[in-house]
């Protein structure tokens, strides 16, 4: 199999196409990681809010128990 200009040109075109697809995939993965980090931040905020609400509910529940006792 000889290295002809047509073969070299075809290989180069194929290599460029593969690199473009790999680059697009890498951009997509970066986008997914960014979205996941936003979700993680929102979940951490939500968990802290739920903990604060539970704390307030426990306080009010304790007050009601003392009043009834």
C-alpha atoms as a PDB file:
ATOM      1  CA  UNK A   1       0.000   0.000   0.000  1.00  0.00           C
ATOM      2  CA  UNK A   2       1.703   3.123  -1.234  1.00  0.00           C
ATOM      3  CA  UNK A   3       1.258   6.559   0.242  1.00  0.00           C
ATOM      4  CA  UNK A   4      -0.568   8.371  -2.485  1.00  0.00           C
ATOM      5  CA  UNK A   5      -1.712  11.978  -2.212  1.00  0.00           C
ATOM      6  CA  UNK A   6      -5.327  10.810  -2.266  1.00  0.00           C
ATOM      7  CA  UNK A   7      -4.754   8.456   0.667  1.00  0.00           C
ATOM      8  CA  UNK A   8      -2.936  11.122   2.662  1.00  0.00           C
ATOM      9  CA  UNK A   9      -5.657  13.672   1.942  1.00  0.00           C
ATOM     10  CA  UNK A  10      -8.399  11.214   2.893  1.00  0.00           C
ATOM     11  CA  UNK A  11      -6.623  10.290   6.117  1.00  0.00           C
ATOM     12  CA  UNK A  12      -6.167  13.957   6.990  1.00  0.00           C
ATOM     13  CA  UNK A  13      -9.851  14.699   6.392  1.00  0.00           C
ATOM     14  CA  UNK A  14     -10.873  11.720   8.517  1.00  0.00           C
ATOM     15  CA  UNK A  15      -8.512  12.805  11.301  1.00  0.00           C
ATOM     16  CA  UNK A  16      -9.935  16.348  11.268  1.00  0.00           C
ATOM     17  CA  UNK A  17     -13.498  15.009  11.437  1.00  0.00           C
ATOM     18  CA  UNK A  18     -12.608  12.765  14.383  1.00  0.00           C
ATOM     19  CA  UNK A  19     -10.932  15.662  16.214  1.00  0.00           C
ATOM     20  CA  UNK A  20     -13.970  17.898  15.668  1.00  0.00           C
ATOM     21  CA  UNK A  21     -16.319  15.209  16.995  1.00  0.00           C
ATOM     22  CA  UNK A  22     -14.051  14.599  20.009  1.00  0.00           C
ATOM     23  CA  UNK A  23     -13.888  18.340  20.716  1.00  0.00           C
ATOM     24  CA  UNK A  24     -17.681  18.668  20.493  1.00  0.00           C
ATOM     25  CA  UNK A  25     -18.080  15.714  22.866  1.00  0.00           C
ATOM     26  CA  UNK A  26     -15.641  17.313  25.321  1.00  0.00           C
ATOM     27  CA  UNK A  27     -17.632  20.572  25.246  1.00  0.00           C
ATOM     28  CA  UNK A  28     -20.824  18.593  25.907  1.00  0.00           C
ATOM     29  CA  UNK A  29     -19.217  16.807  28.884  1.00  0.00           C
ATOM     30  CA  UNK A  30     -18.082  20.160  30.296  1.00  0.00           C
ATOM     31  CA  UNK A  31     -21.649  21.448  29.951  1.00  0.00           C
ATOM     32  CA  UNK A  32     -23.019  18.416  31.800  1.00  0.00           C
ATOM     33  CA  UNK A  33     -20.477  18.877  34.597  1.00  0.00           C
ATOM     34  CA  UNK A  34     -21.458  22.531  34.905  1.00  0.00           C
ATOM     35  CA  UNK A  35     -25.151  21.622  35.139  1.00  0.00           C
ATOM     36  CA  UNK A  36     -24.382  18.936  37.735  1.00  0.00           C
ATOM     37  CA  UNK A  37     -22.437  21.393  39.881  1.00  0.00           C
ATOM     38  CA  UNK A  38     -25.386  23.791  39.772  1.00  0.00           C
ATOM     39  CA  UNK A  39     -27.701  20.985  40.900  1.00  0.00           C
ATOM     40  CA  UNK A  40     -25.301  20.069  43.721  1.00  0.00           C
ATOM     41  CA  UNK A  41     -25.241  23.688  44.908  1.00  0.00           C
ATOM     42  CA  UNK A  42     -29.038  23.855  44.825  1.00  0.00           C
ATOM     43  CA  UNK A  43     -29.331  20.582  46.737  1.00  0.00           C
ATOM     44  CA  UNK A  44     -26.925  21.805  49.428  1.00  0.00           C
ATOM     45  CA  UNK A  45     -28.967  24.996  49.784  1.00  0.00           C
ATOM     46  CA  UNK A  46     -32.202  23.009  49.931  1.00  0.00           C
ATOM     47  CA  UNK A  47     -30.816  20.675  52.598  1.00  0.00           C
ATOM     48  CA  UNK A  48     -29.734  23.605  54.758  1.00  0.00           C
ATOM     49  CA  UNK A  49     -33.214  25.147  54.401  1.00  0.00           C
ATOM     50  CA  UNK A  50     -34.870  21.862  55.395  1.00  0.00           C
ATOM     51  CA  UNK A  51     -32.597  21.606  58.446  1.00  0.00           C
ATOM     52  CA  UNK A  52     -33.541  25.147  59.489  1.00  0.00           C
ATOM     53  CA  UNK A  53     -37.256  24.367  59.055  1.00  0.00           C
ATOM     54  CA  UNK A  54     -36.908  21.162  61.103  1.00  0.00           C
ATOM     55  CA  UNK A  55     -35.140  23.086  63.837  1.00  0.00           C
ATOM     56  CA  UNK A  56     -37.968  25.649  63.953  1.00  0.00           C
ATOM     57  CA  UNK A  57     -40.603  22.903  63.952  1.00  0.00           C
ATOM     58  CA  UNK A  58     -38.843  21.122  66.807  1.00  0.00           C
ATOM     59  CA  UNK A  59     -38.727  24.371  68.792  1.00  0.00           C
ATOM     60  CA  UNK A  60     -42.426  25.049  68.270  1.00  0.00           C
ATOM     61  CA  UNK A  61     -43.235  21.415  69.023  1.00  0.00           C
ATOM     62  CA  UNK A  62     -41.308  21.646  72.310  1.00  0.00           C
ATOM     63  CA  UNK A  63     -43.187  24.810  73.265  1.00  0.00           C
ATOM     64  CA  UNK A  64     -46.552  23.144  72.604  1.00  0.00           C
ATOM     65  CA  UNK A  65     -45.568  20.152  74.734  1.00  0.00           C
ATOM     66  CA  UNK A  66     -44.596  22.445  77.621  1.00  0.00           C
ATOM     67  CA  UNK A  67     -47.883  24.345  77.346  1.00  0.00           C
ATOM     68  CA  UNK A  68     -49.934  21.137  77.335  1.00  0.00           C
ATOM     69  CA  UNK A  69     -48.002  19.634  80.251  1.00  0.00           C
END
